[in-house]
Amino acid sequence: MSDQVLDVKGLRCPMPVLRANRALRGLAPGAQLRVLATDRASVADFQAFCRETGHALVAFSEESGVFSFLIRRRAAQEAEKPEEPQA
């Protein structure tokens, strides 16, 4: 399965995280999103975002001023599943 890529280069905090959050909502649980950003603050922002939301920050790297974050969408929570009708 290929990763979906979100290019937020040139955007400043909090836009990279907000755009990533929107993109993750459209993915199936367990799917991965690669985010490309240039804002240095995005390193701490994505670490905190993943810690607070339960998404997994699988990897991140930096090359020539571009930060790459690989985020795996969290599994669906019990509260998000529809209730089954009882007989």
Protein backbone atom coordinates (compact mmCIF):
# COMPACT_ATOMS: atom_id res chain seq x y z
CA MET A 1 0.00 0.00 0.00
CA SER A 2 1.38 3.42 -0.89
CA ASP A 3 1.31 6.32 1.54
CA GLN A 4 -0.86 9.34 0.91
CA VAL A 5 1.33 12.45 0.75
CA LEU A 6 0.38 15.85 2.14
CA ASP A 7 2.63 18.72 1.08
CA VAL A 8 2.40 21.61 3.55
CA LYS A 9 5.79 23.15 2.75
CA GLY A 10 5.80 26.90 3.31
CA LEU A 11 2.96 26.82 5.84
CA ARG A 12 3.53 27.93 9.44
CA CYS A 13 2.21 26.58 12.74
CA PRO A 14 -0.57 25.55 13.27
CA MET A 15 -1.50 24.96 9.61
CA PRO A 16 0.61 21.82 8.96
CA VAL A 17 -0.99 19.97 11.89
CA LEU A 18 -4.49 21.22 11.06
CA ARG A 19 -4.17 20.09 7.43
CA ALA A 20 -2.74 16.72 8.52
CA ASN A 21 -5.60 16.24 10.98
CA ARG A 22 -8.13 16.86 8.20
CA ALA A 23 -6.32 14.44 5.87
CA LEU A 24 -6.12 11.74 8.55
CA ARG A 25 -9.86 11.93 9.13
CA GLY A 26 -10.38 10.87 5.52
CA LEU A 27 -8.15 7.79 5.84
CA ALA A 28 -9.06 4.31 7.01
CA PRO A 29 -7.75 3.20 10.42
CA GLY A 30 -4.18 1.94 10.04
CA ALA A 31 -3.57 3.90 6.81
CA GLN A 32 -0.46 6.06 6.63
CA LEU A 33 0.00 9.71 5.77
CA ARG A 34 3.36 11.22 4.82
CA VAL A 35 3.54 14.94 5.61
CA LEU A 36 6.18 17.19 4.05
CA ALA A 37 6.78 20.45 5.95
CA THR A 38 9.38 23.20 6.18
CA ASP A 39 8.37 24.81 9.50
CA ARG A 40 10.94 23.84 12.18
CA ALA A 41 8.20 23.99 14.81
CA SER A 42 6.44 21.13 13.03
CA VAL A 43 8.81 18.60 14.65
CA ALA A 44 7.51 19.33 18.15
CA ASP A 45 4.00 20.00 16.83
CA PHE A 46 3.63 16.58 15.18
CA GLN A 47 5.13 14.77 18.17
CA ALA A 48 2.59 16.43 20.47
CA PHE A 49 -0.26 15.96 17.98
CA CYS A 50 0.37 12.21 17.72
CA ARG A 51 0.78 11.81 21.47
CA GLU A 52 -2.51 13.63 22.14
CA THR A 53 -4.61 12.03 19.39
CA GLY A 54 -3.36 8.43 19.50
CA HIS A 55 -2.02 8.43 15.94
CA ALA A 56 1.43 6.83 15.59
CA LEU A 57 4.38 8.90 14.48
CA VAL A 58 6.11 6.05 12.68
CA ALA A 59 9.12 8.03 11.46
CA PHE A 60 10.38 11.51 10.76
CA SER A 61 13.44 12.84 9.01
CA GLU A 62 14.87 16.08 7.64
CA GLU A 63 16.64 16.64 4.35
CA SER A 64 17.62 20.02 2.92
CA GLY A 65 15.21 21.85 5.23
CA VAL A 66 12.21 19.63 4.43
CA PHE A 67 10.79 17.57 7.29
CA SER A 68 9.07 14.29 6.45
CA PHE A 69 6.65 12.76 8.94
CA LEU A 70 5.08 9.33 8.50
CA ILE A 71 1.89 9.08 10.56
CA ARG A 72 -0.29 5.99 10.92
CA ARG A 73 -3.96 6.71 11.63
CA ARG A 74 -5.11 5.27 14.92
CA ALA A 75 -7.44 2.30 15.03
CA ALA A 76 -11.13 3.08 15.39
CA GLN A 77 -12.10 3.46 19.01
CA GLU A 78 -14.97 1.59 20.58
CA ALA A 79 -16.88 4.85 21.00
CA GLU A 80 -16.68 5.47 17.26
CA LYS A 81 -18.25 2.13 16.32
CA PRO A 82 -22.02 2.09 15.85
CA GLU A 83 -23.92 0.14 18.43
CA GLU A 84 -25.33 -3.21 17.38
CA PRO A 85 -29.07 -3.62 17.84
CA GLN A 86 -30.03 -5.93 20.66
CA ALA A 87 -32.61 -8.64 20.19
